[in-house]
């Protein structure tokens, strides 16, 4: 009997965690990385964590920008991490807003995006970490059974975990 070892993952919110929170960022020129984020992600990456971004993008439902705009910015962001020697395994996004598109299971604080990654990549949630900047990020991690759910503000103030 063979058992496949499960992977450990780091789940990250995007706006307010990876980049400075600005209203509905979708243009490269408006995207500003949070100081210290490359160093933080590199530490987890070097420890063998798979890296995932899980981000609410209601600006798509609100028609502030298109799915193509999101993908263009996303591809650029992932490339910036590659330049730093950091591989982002996959980016999940929720384009919904309950008042416009109805309820869904992917919009944080629901755990849908995280649960999808757990299934797709054989992830052990108990040995995984989620980092976000809002209560809804932490709740999504807790609902998905993620072992450690941390606020980015605490990590960057106290030093890297």
N, C-alpha and C. Protein backbone atom coordinates (compact mmCIF):
# COMPACT_ATOMS: atom_id res chain seq x y z
N UNK A 1 0.84 -1.19 0.00
CA UNK A 1 0.00 0.00 0.00
C UNK A 1 0.88 1.25 0.00
N UNK A 2 0.69 2.10 -0.96
CA UNK A 2 1.48 3.34 -1.02
C UNK A 2 0.59 4.52 -0.68
N UNK A 3 1.14 5.42 0.07
CA UNK A 3 0.40 6.65 0.38
C UNK A 3 1.18 7.83 -0.15
N UNK A 4 0.47 8.70 -0.78
CA UNK A 4 1.10 9.90 -1.32
C UNK A 4 1.23 10.92 -0.21
N UNK A 5 2.43 11.41 -0.02
CA UNK A 5 2.63 12.44 0.99
C UNK A 5 1.92 13.71 0.57
N UNK A 6 1.28 14.34 1.52
CA UNK A 6 0.55 15.57 1.22
C UNK A 6 1.48 16.76 1.25
N UNK A 7 1.14 17.75 0.44
CA UNK A 7 1.93 18.98 0.34
C UNK A 7 1.51 19.99 1.39
N UNK A 8 2.45 20.84 1.78
CA UNK A 8 2.10 21.97 2.64
C UNK A 8 2.03 23.21 1.76
N UNK A 9 1.12 24.11 2.15
CA UNK A 9 0.88 25.27 1.30
C UNK A 9 0.82 26.54 2.13
N UNK A 10 1.16 27.63 1.46
CA UNK A 10 0.96 28.97 2.00
C UNK A 10 -0.08 29.63 1.11
N UNK A 11 -1.21 30.01 1.72
CA UNK A 11 -2.28 30.72 1.02
C UNK A 11 -2.17 32.20 1.37
N UNK A 12 -2.25 33.04 0.35
CA UNK A 12 -2.12 34.48 0.56
C UNK A 12 -3.27 35.24 -0.07
N UNK A 13 -3.79 36.18 0.68
CA UNK A 13 -4.70 37.16 0.10
C UNK A 13 -3.84 38.05 -0.81
N UNK A 14 -4.45 38.81 -1.71
CA UNK A 14 -3.66 39.70 -2.55
C UNK A 14 -3.70 41.14 -2.05
N UNK A 15 -4.81 41.83 -2.25
CA UNK A 15 -4.89 43.26 -1.94
C UNK A 15 -4.81 43.48 -0.43
N UNK A 16 -3.80 44.22 -0.01
CA UNK A 16 -3.58 44.47 1.41
C UNK A 16 -2.60 43.50 2.05
N UNK A 17 -2.26 42.44 1.32
CA UNK A 17 -1.31 41.44 1.84
C UNK A 17 -0.07 41.39 0.95
N UNK A 18 -0.26 41.22 -0.34
CA UNK A 18 0.86 41.20 -1.29
C UNK A 18 1.13 42.62 -1.78
N UNK A 19 0.05 43.33 -2.07
CA UNK A 19 0.20 44.71 -2.56
C UNK A 19 -0.54 45.67 -1.65
N UNK A 20 -0.14 46.93 -1.73
CA UNK A 20 -0.76 47.99 -0.95
C UNK A 20 -2.23 48.10 -1.36
N UNK A 21 -3.09 48.15 -0.36
CA UNK A 21 -4.54 48.24 -0.60
C UNK A 21 -4.87 49.58 -1.23
N UNK A 22 -5.41 49.51 -2.43
CA UNK A 22 -5.94 50.69 -3.13
C UNK A 22 -7.26 50.21 -3.71
N UNK A 23 -8.17 51.07 -3.94
CA UNK A 23 -9.48 50.62 -4.44
C UNK A 23 -9.38 49.99 -5.82
N UNK A 24 -9.69 48.70 -5.88
CA UNK A 24 -9.84 47.98 -7.14
C UNK A 24 -8.64 48.11 -8.07
N UNK A 25 -7.51 47.60 -7.61
CA UNK A 25 -6.29 47.64 -8.42
C UNK A 25 -6.41 46.65 -9.58
N UNK A 26 -6.23 47.15 -10.79
CA UNK A 26 -6.23 46.26 -11.95
C UNK A 26 -5.20 46.68 -13.00
N UNK A 27 -4.53 47.80 -12.78
CA UNK A 27 -3.49 48.26 -13.71
C UNK A 27 -2.12 48.08 -13.08
N UNK A 28 -1.17 47.64 -13.87
CA UNK A 28 0.19 47.40 -13.40
C UNK A 28 0.76 48.65 -12.74
N UNK A 29 0.52 49.81 -13.33
CA UNK A 29 1.11 51.04 -12.79
C UNK A 29 0.56 51.42 -11.41
N UNK A 30 -0.58 50.83 -11.03
CA UNK A 30 -1.16 51.10 -9.71
C UNK A 30 -0.78 50.06 -8.66
N UNK A 31 -0.10 48.99 -9.09
CA UNK A 31 0.22 47.87 -8.21
C UNK A 31 1.54 48.14 -7.49
N UNK A 32 1.49 48.14 -6.17
CA UNK A 32 2.67 48.43 -5.36
C UNK A 32 2.85 47.32 -4.33
N UNK A 33 3.95 46.57 -4.45
CA UNK A 33 4.22 45.47 -3.52
C UNK A 33 4.43 45.99 -2.10
N UNK A 34 3.91 45.27 -1.13
CA UNK A 34 4.12 45.62 0.28
C UNK A 34 5.59 45.36 0.62
N UNK A 35 6.26 46.30 1.26
CA UNK A 35 7.66 46.08 1.65
C UNK A 35 7.80 44.82 2.52
N UNK A 36 8.75 43.96 2.15
CA UNK A 36 9.00 42.75 2.91
C UNK A 36 8.29 41.51 2.38
N UNK A 37 7.37 41.68 1.42
CA UNK A 37 6.58 40.53 0.94
C UNK A 37 7.45 39.52 0.19
N UNK A 38 8.42 39.97 -0.60
CA UNK A 38 9.28 39.03 -1.32
C UNK A 38 10.08 38.18 -0.34
N UNK A 39 10.63 38.81 0.68
CA UNK A 39 11.43 38.08 1.67
C UNK A 39 10.57 37.08 2.43
N UNK A 40 9.37 37.47 2.78
CA UNK A 40 8.46 36.58 3.50
C UNK A 40 8.11 35.35 2.65
N UNK A 41 7.72 35.57 1.41
CA UNK A 41 7.34 34.45 0.55
C UNK A 41 8.53 33.55 0.24
N UNK A 42 9.70 34.14 0.08
CA UNK A 42 10.90 33.35 -0.21
C UNK A 42 11.20 32.40 0.94
N UNK A 43 11.01 32.84 2.18
CA UNK A 43 11.25 31.96 3.33
C UNK A 43 10.34 30.74 3.29
N UNK A 44 9.06 30.96 3.02
CA UNK A 44 8.13 29.83 2.92
C UNK A 44 8.45 28.95 1.72
N UNK A 45 8.74 29.57 0.59
CA UNK A 45 9.05 28.82 -0.63
C UNK A 45 10.27 27.93 -0.41
N UNK A 46 11.30 28.49 0.22
CA UNK A 46 12.52 27.73 0.48
C UNK A 46 12.30 26.60 1.48
N UNK A 47 11.24 26.68 2.30
CA UNK A 47 10.90 25.61 3.24
C UNK A 47 10.00 24.55 2.61
N UNK A 48 9.76 24.67 1.31
CA UNK A 48 8.99 23.65 0.60
C UNK A 48 7.49 23.86 0.54
N UNK A 49 7.04 25.06 0.89
CA UNK A 49 5.62 25.35 0.79
C UNK A 49 5.24 25.65 -0.66
N UNK A 50 4.11 25.13 -1.11
CA UNK A 50 3.52 25.56 -2.37
C UNK A 50 2.82 26.89 -2.07
N UNK A 51 2.89 27.84 -2.99
CA UNK A 51 2.32 29.17 -2.75
C UNK A 51 1.08 29.39 -3.62
N UNK A 52 0.01 29.81 -2.96
CA UNK A 52 -1.26 30.07 -3.64
C UNK A 52 -1.76 31.45 -3.25
N UNK A 53 -2.35 32.13 -4.21
CA UNK A 53 -3.01 33.41 -3.93
C UNK A 53 -4.51 33.16 -4.06
N UNK A 54 -5.27 33.60 -3.06
CA UNK A 54 -6.72 33.47 -3.05
C UNK A 54 -7.29 34.87 -2.83
N UNK A 55 -7.94 35.40 -3.85
CA UNK A 55 -8.30 36.81 -3.82
C UNK A 55 -9.74 37.07 -4.28
N UNK A 56 -10.46 37.85 -3.50
CA UNK A 56 -11.78 38.34 -3.91
C UNK A 56 -11.55 39.47 -4.92
N UNK A 57 -12.24 39.41 -6.03
CA UNK A 57 -12.11 40.44 -7.06
C UNK A 57 -13.49 40.90 -7.51
N UNK A 58 -14.24 41.49 -6.59
CA UNK A 58 -15.60 41.93 -6.90
C UNK A 58 -15.62 43.06 -7.92
N UNK A 59 -14.49 43.68 -8.17
CA UNK A 59 -14.42 44.71 -9.20
C UNK A 59 -14.82 44.19 -10.57
N UNK A 60 -14.67 42.87 -10.78
CA UNK A 60 -15.11 42.26 -12.05
C UNK A 60 -16.64 42.28 -12.11
N UNK A 61 -17.31 41.82 -11.04
CA UNK A 61 -18.78 41.82 -11.00
C UNK A 61 -19.32 43.26 -11.09
N UNK A 62 -18.60 44.18 -10.48
CA UNK A 62 -19.04 45.58 -10.48
C UNK A 62 -18.74 46.29 -11.81
N UNK A 63 -18.03 45.58 -12.71
CA UNK A 63 -17.66 46.09 -14.03
C UNK A 63 -16.69 47.27 -13.96
N UNK A 64 -15.88 47.32 -12.88
CA UNK A 64 -14.81 48.32 -12.79
C UNK A 64 -13.65 47.93 -13.69
N UNK A 65 -13.49 46.64 -13.90
CA UNK A 65 -12.48 46.10 -14.80
C UNK A 65 -12.95 44.72 -15.26
N UNK A 66 -12.27 44.18 -16.25
CA UNK A 66 -12.69 42.90 -16.84
C UNK A 66 -11.84 41.75 -16.29
N UNK A 67 -12.30 40.54 -16.55
CA UNK A 67 -11.52 39.36 -16.21
C UNK A 67 -10.17 39.38 -16.92
N UNK A 68 -10.15 39.90 -18.13
CA UNK A 68 -8.89 40.00 -18.89
C UNK A 68 -7.93 40.98 -18.22
N UNK A 69 -8.47 42.09 -17.70
CA UNK A 69 -7.64 43.05 -16.96
C UNK A 69 -7.00 42.35 -15.75
N UNK A 70 -7.81 41.56 -15.03
CA UNK A 70 -7.30 40.85 -13.86
C UNK A 70 -6.18 39.89 -14.28
N UNK A 71 -6.40 39.12 -15.32
CA UNK A 71 -5.42 38.13 -15.77
C UNK A 71 -4.12 38.82 -16.19
N UNK A 72 -4.22 39.94 -16.89
CA UNK A 72 -3.03 40.67 -17.32
C UNK A 72 -2.19 41.10 -16.12
N UNK A 73 -2.83 41.70 -15.11
CA UNK A 73 -2.12 42.12 -13.90
C UNK A 73 -1.58 40.90 -13.15
N UNK A 74 -2.39 39.87 -13.06
CA UNK A 74 -1.98 38.65 -12.36
C UNK A 74 -0.72 38.04 -12.98
N UNK A 75 -0.71 37.93 -14.30
CA UNK A 75 0.46 37.35 -14.98
C UNK A 75 1.71 38.18 -14.72
N UNK A 76 1.57 39.49 -14.74
CA UNK A 76 2.70 40.37 -14.44
C UNK A 76 3.19 40.15 -13.00
N UNK A 77 2.25 40.09 -12.05
CA UNK A 77 2.60 39.90 -10.63
C UNK A 77 3.34 38.57 -10.43
N UNK A 78 2.83 37.51 -11.00
CA UNK A 78 3.46 36.19 -10.87
C UNK A 78 4.88 36.23 -11.44
N UNK A 79 5.06 36.95 -12.53
CA UNK A 79 6.39 37.08 -13.14
C UNK A 79 7.34 37.84 -12.22
N UNK A 80 6.85 38.84 -11.50
CA UNK A 80 7.70 39.58 -10.57
C UNK A 80 8.21 38.65 -9.46
N UNK A 81 7.35 37.74 -9.01
CA UNK A 81 7.79 36.75 -8.01
C UNK A 81 8.84 35.82 -8.61
N UNK A 82 8.65 35.39 -9.86
CA UNK A 82 9.63 34.52 -10.51
C UNK A 82 11.00 35.19 -10.56
N UNK A 83 11.02 36.49 -10.86
CA UNK A 83 12.28 37.23 -10.89
C UNK A 83 13.00 37.17 -9.54
N UNK A 84 12.23 36.99 -8.46
CA UNK A 84 12.80 36.90 -7.10
C UNK A 84 13.07 35.45 -6.69
N UNK A 85 12.90 34.51 -7.63
CA UNK A 85 13.13 33.10 -7.32
C UNK A 85 11.99 32.45 -6.56
N UNK A 86 10.78 32.97 -6.72
CA UNK A 86 9.60 32.48 -6.01
C UNK A 86 8.56 32.03 -7.04
N UNK A 87 8.14 30.78 -6.92
CA UNK A 87 7.14 30.23 -7.84
C UNK A 87 5.77 30.25 -7.17
N UNK A 88 4.83 30.95 -7.78
CA UNK A 88 3.44 30.93 -7.32
C UNK A 88 2.79 29.75 -8.04
N UNK A 89 2.30 28.77 -7.28
CA UNK A 89 1.74 27.57 -7.90
C UNK A 89 0.48 27.91 -8.69
N UNK A 90 -0.44 28.66 -8.08
CA UNK A 90 -1.67 29.00 -8.78
C UNK A 90 -2.33 30.18 -8.07
N UNK A 91 -3.05 30.97 -8.85
CA UNK A 91 -3.84 32.08 -8.31
C UNK A 91 -5.31 31.74 -8.52
N UNK A 92 -6.06 31.81 -7.43
CA UNK A 92 -7.51 31.62 -7.49
C UNK A 92 -8.16 32.97 -7.23
N UNK A 93 -9.22 33.26 -7.96
CA UNK A 93 -9.92 34.52 -7.70
C UNK A 93 -11.42 34.31 -7.76
N UNK A 94 -12.12 35.11 -6.97
CA UNK A 94 -13.58 35.12 -6.97
C UNK A 94 -14.02 36.41 -7.63
N UNK A 95 -14.67 36.33 -8.79
CA UNK A 95 -15.12 37.53 -9.50
C UNK A 95 -16.51 38.00 -9.08
N UNK A 96 -17.06 37.37 -8.06
CA UNK A 96 -18.46 37.61 -7.68
C UNK A 96 -18.64 38.71 -6.64
N UNK A 97 -19.85 39.19 -6.56
CA UNK A 97 -20.29 40.05 -5.45
C UNK A 97 -21.73 39.66 -5.16
N UNK A 98 -22.05 39.36 -3.89
CA UNK A 98 -23.38 38.82 -3.58
C UNK A 98 -24.55 39.68 -4.03
N UNK A 99 -24.41 40.99 -4.01
CA UNK A 99 -25.51 41.88 -4.41
C UNK A 99 -25.69 41.94 -5.93
N UNK A 100 -24.68 41.49 -6.66
CA UNK A 100 -24.73 41.58 -8.12
C UNK A 100 -24.91 40.20 -8.74
N UNK A 101 -24.11 39.24 -8.31
CA UNK A 101 -24.11 37.90 -8.93
C UNK A 101 -24.75 36.85 -8.05
N UNK A 102 -25.13 37.21 -6.81
CA UNK A 102 -25.67 36.23 -5.87
C UNK A 102 -24.56 35.62 -5.04
N UNK A 103 -24.95 34.80 -4.09
CA UNK A 103 -23.97 34.15 -3.20
C UNK A 103 -23.20 33.08 -3.93
N UNK A 104 -21.98 32.84 -3.47
CA UNK A 104 -21.14 31.80 -4.04
C UNK A 104 -20.34 31.18 -2.89
N UNK A 105 -19.66 30.09 -3.16
CA UNK A 105 -18.84 29.47 -2.11
C UNK A 105 -17.37 29.85 -2.21
N UNK A 106 -17.04 30.72 -3.19
CA UNK A 106 -15.63 31.08 -3.35
C UNK A 106 -15.28 32.44 -2.75
N UNK A 107 -16.25 33.29 -2.54
CA UNK A 107 -15.95 34.62 -1.99
C UNK A 107 -15.63 34.50 -0.50
N UNK A 108 -14.41 34.91 -0.13
CA UNK A 108 -14.05 34.88 1.28
C UNK A 108 -15.00 35.79 2.05
N UNK A 109 -15.52 35.36 3.18
CA UNK A 109 -14.98 34.37 4.11
C UNK A 109 -15.34 32.91 3.81
N UNK A 110 -16.01 32.63 2.70
CA UNK A 110 -16.25 31.22 2.36
C UNK A 110 -14.93 30.60 1.91
N UNK A 111 -14.74 29.30 2.13
CA UNK A 111 -13.44 28.66 1.89
C UNK A 111 -13.27 28.03 0.52
N UNK A 112 -14.19 28.29 -0.43
CA UNK A 112 -14.18 27.59 -1.71
C UNK A 112 -12.86 27.58 -2.46
N UNK A 113 -12.19 28.72 -2.57
CA UNK A 113 -10.93 28.77 -3.32
C UNK A 113 -9.86 27.92 -2.65
N UNK A 114 -9.81 27.97 -1.33
CA UNK A 114 -8.81 27.20 -0.57
C UNK A 114 -9.09 25.71 -0.70
N UNK A 115 -10.36 25.34 -0.55
CA UNK A 115 -10.73 23.92 -0.66
C UNK A 115 -10.43 23.37 -2.05
N UNK A 116 -10.62 24.19 -3.06
CA UNK A 116 -10.30 23.76 -4.43
C UNK A 116 -8.80 23.47 -4.56
N UNK A 117 -7.97 24.35 -4.03
CA UNK A 117 -6.52 24.13 -4.08
C UNK A 117 -6.13 22.87 -3.31
N UNK A 118 -6.75 22.67 -2.15
CA UNK A 118 -6.46 21.48 -1.33
C UNK A 118 -6.73 20.22 -2.14
N UNK A 119 -7.86 20.19 -2.86
CA UNK A 119 -8.21 19.02 -3.68
C UNK A 119 -7.27 18.89 -4.87
N UNK A 120 -7.03 19.99 -5.58
CA UNK A 120 -6.24 19.94 -6.82
C UNK A 120 -4.78 19.59 -6.59
N UNK A 121 -4.23 19.97 -5.44
CA UNK A 121 -2.78 19.85 -5.23
C UNK A 121 -2.41 18.95 -4.05
N UNK A 122 -3.36 18.12 -3.57
CA UNK A 122 -3.07 17.17 -2.49
C UNK A 122 -2.42 17.85 -1.29
N UNK A 123 -3.09 18.86 -0.78
CA UNK A 123 -2.54 19.68 0.30
C UNK A 123 -3.05 19.20 1.65
N UNK A 124 -2.15 19.21 2.62
CA UNK A 124 -2.49 18.93 4.00
C UNK A 124 -2.83 20.26 4.67
N UNK A 125 -4.11 20.52 4.91
CA UNK A 125 -4.48 21.84 5.46
C UNK A 125 -3.90 22.10 6.85
N UNK A 126 -3.78 21.06 7.67
CA UNK A 126 -3.31 21.23 9.05
C UNK A 126 -1.88 21.76 9.09
N UNK A 127 -1.06 21.36 8.13
CA UNK A 127 0.33 21.81 8.07
C UNK A 127 0.52 22.98 7.12
N UNK A 128 -0.56 23.65 6.78
CA UNK A 128 -0.51 24.78 5.88
C UNK A 128 -0.77 26.08 6.63
N UNK A 129 -0.52 27.19 5.94
CA UNK A 129 -0.60 28.52 6.54
C UNK A 129 -1.40 29.43 5.60
N UNK A 130 -2.18 30.32 6.19
CA UNK A 130 -2.85 31.37 5.42
C UNK A 130 -2.42 32.71 6.00
N UNK A 131 -2.14 33.64 5.11
CA UNK A 131 -1.80 35.00 5.52
C UNK A 131 -2.74 35.96 4.80
N UNK A 132 -3.39 36.82 5.59
CA UNK A 132 -4.28 37.81 5.02
C UNK A 132 -4.25 39.09 5.83
N UNK A 133 -5.04 40.06 5.40
CA UNK A 133 -5.07 41.34 6.12
C UNK A 133 -6.43 41.64 6.73
N UNK A 134 -7.43 40.81 6.44
CA UNK A 134 -8.78 41.07 6.93
C UNK A 134 -9.35 39.82 7.61
N UNK A 135 -10.32 40.07 8.47
CA UNK A 135 -10.98 38.98 9.20
C UNK A 135 -11.55 37.93 8.23
N UNK A 136 -12.08 38.36 7.09
CA UNK A 136 -12.66 37.40 6.14
C UNK A 136 -11.62 36.42 5.60
N UNK A 137 -10.36 36.86 5.49
CA UNK A 137 -9.29 35.96 5.06
C UNK A 137 -9.07 34.88 6.11
N UNK A 138 -8.96 35.32 7.36
CA UNK A 138 -8.72 34.40 8.48
C UNK A 138 -9.88 33.41 8.61
N UNK A 139 -11.11 33.90 8.50
CA UNK A 139 -12.28 33.02 8.58
C UNK A 139 -12.28 31.97 7.49
N UNK A 140 -11.92 32.35 6.28
CA UNK A 140 -11.86 31.39 5.17
C UNK A 140 -10.83 30.31 5.47
N UNK A 141 -9.67 30.70 6.00
CA UNK A 141 -8.65 29.71 6.36
C UNK A 141 -9.14 28.78 7.45
N UNK A 142 -9.79 29.34 8.46
CA UNK A 142 -10.31 28.51 9.56
C UNK A 142 -11.36 27.54 9.05
N UNK A 143 -12.27 28.00 8.19
CA UNK A 143 -13.33 27.14 7.64
C UNK A 143 -12.74 26.01 6.80
N UNK A 144 -11.60 26.26 6.15
CA UNK A 144 -10.95 25.25 5.31
C UNK A 144 -10.05 24.31 6.12
N UNK A 145 -9.92 24.57 7.43
CA UNK A 145 -9.11 23.70 8.27
C UNK A 145 -7.62 24.00 8.21
N UNK A 146 -7.25 25.20 7.75
CA UNK A 146 -5.84 25.59 7.68
C UNK A 146 -5.29 25.70 9.11
N UNK A 147 -4.11 25.12 9.34
CA UNK A 147 -3.54 25.03 10.67
C UNK A 147 -3.12 26.34 11.30
N UNK A 148 -2.62 27.27 10.49
CA UNK A 148 -2.14 28.55 10.99
C UNK A 148 -2.71 29.65 10.12
N UNK A 149 -3.43 30.58 10.75
CA UNK A 149 -4.03 31.70 10.02
C UNK A 149 -3.51 32.99 10.63
N UNK A 150 -2.77 33.76 9.83
CA UNK A 150 -2.02 34.90 10.36
C UNK A 150 -2.37 36.19 9.63
N UNK A 151 -2.32 37.29 10.38
CA UNK A 151 -2.48 38.61 9.78
C UNK A 151 -1.12 39.10 9.30
N UNK A 152 -1.08 39.61 8.08
CA UNK A 152 0.17 40.14 7.51
C UNK A 152 0.71 41.28 8.36
N UNK A 153 -0.17 42.09 8.94
CA UNK A 153 0.27 43.22 9.75
C UNK A 153 1.14 42.74 10.91
N UNK A 154 0.75 41.65 11.54
CA UNK A 154 1.52 41.10 12.67
C UNK A 154 2.86 40.54 12.21
N UNK A 155 2.88 39.90 11.06
CA UNK A 155 4.12 39.30 10.56
C UNK A 155 5.16 40.36 10.21
N UNK A 156 4.71 41.40 9.56
CA UNK A 156 5.66 42.43 9.11
C UNK A 156 6.10 43.32 10.26
N UNK A 157 5.32 43.41 11.34
CA UNK A 157 5.71 44.19 12.50
C UNK A 157 6.68 43.43 13.40
N UNK A 158 6.43 42.11 13.54
CA UNK A 158 7.21 41.32 14.50
C UNK A 158 8.36 40.58 13.86
N UNK A 159 8.47 40.63 12.54
CA UNK A 159 9.52 39.89 11.87
C UNK A 159 8.90 38.69 11.17
N UNK A 160 9.70 38.04 10.38
CA UNK A 160 9.18 36.95 9.55
C UNK A 160 9.07 35.67 10.36
N UNK A 161 8.01 34.92 10.07
CA UNK A 161 7.73 33.67 10.78
C UNK A 161 8.65 32.55 10.32
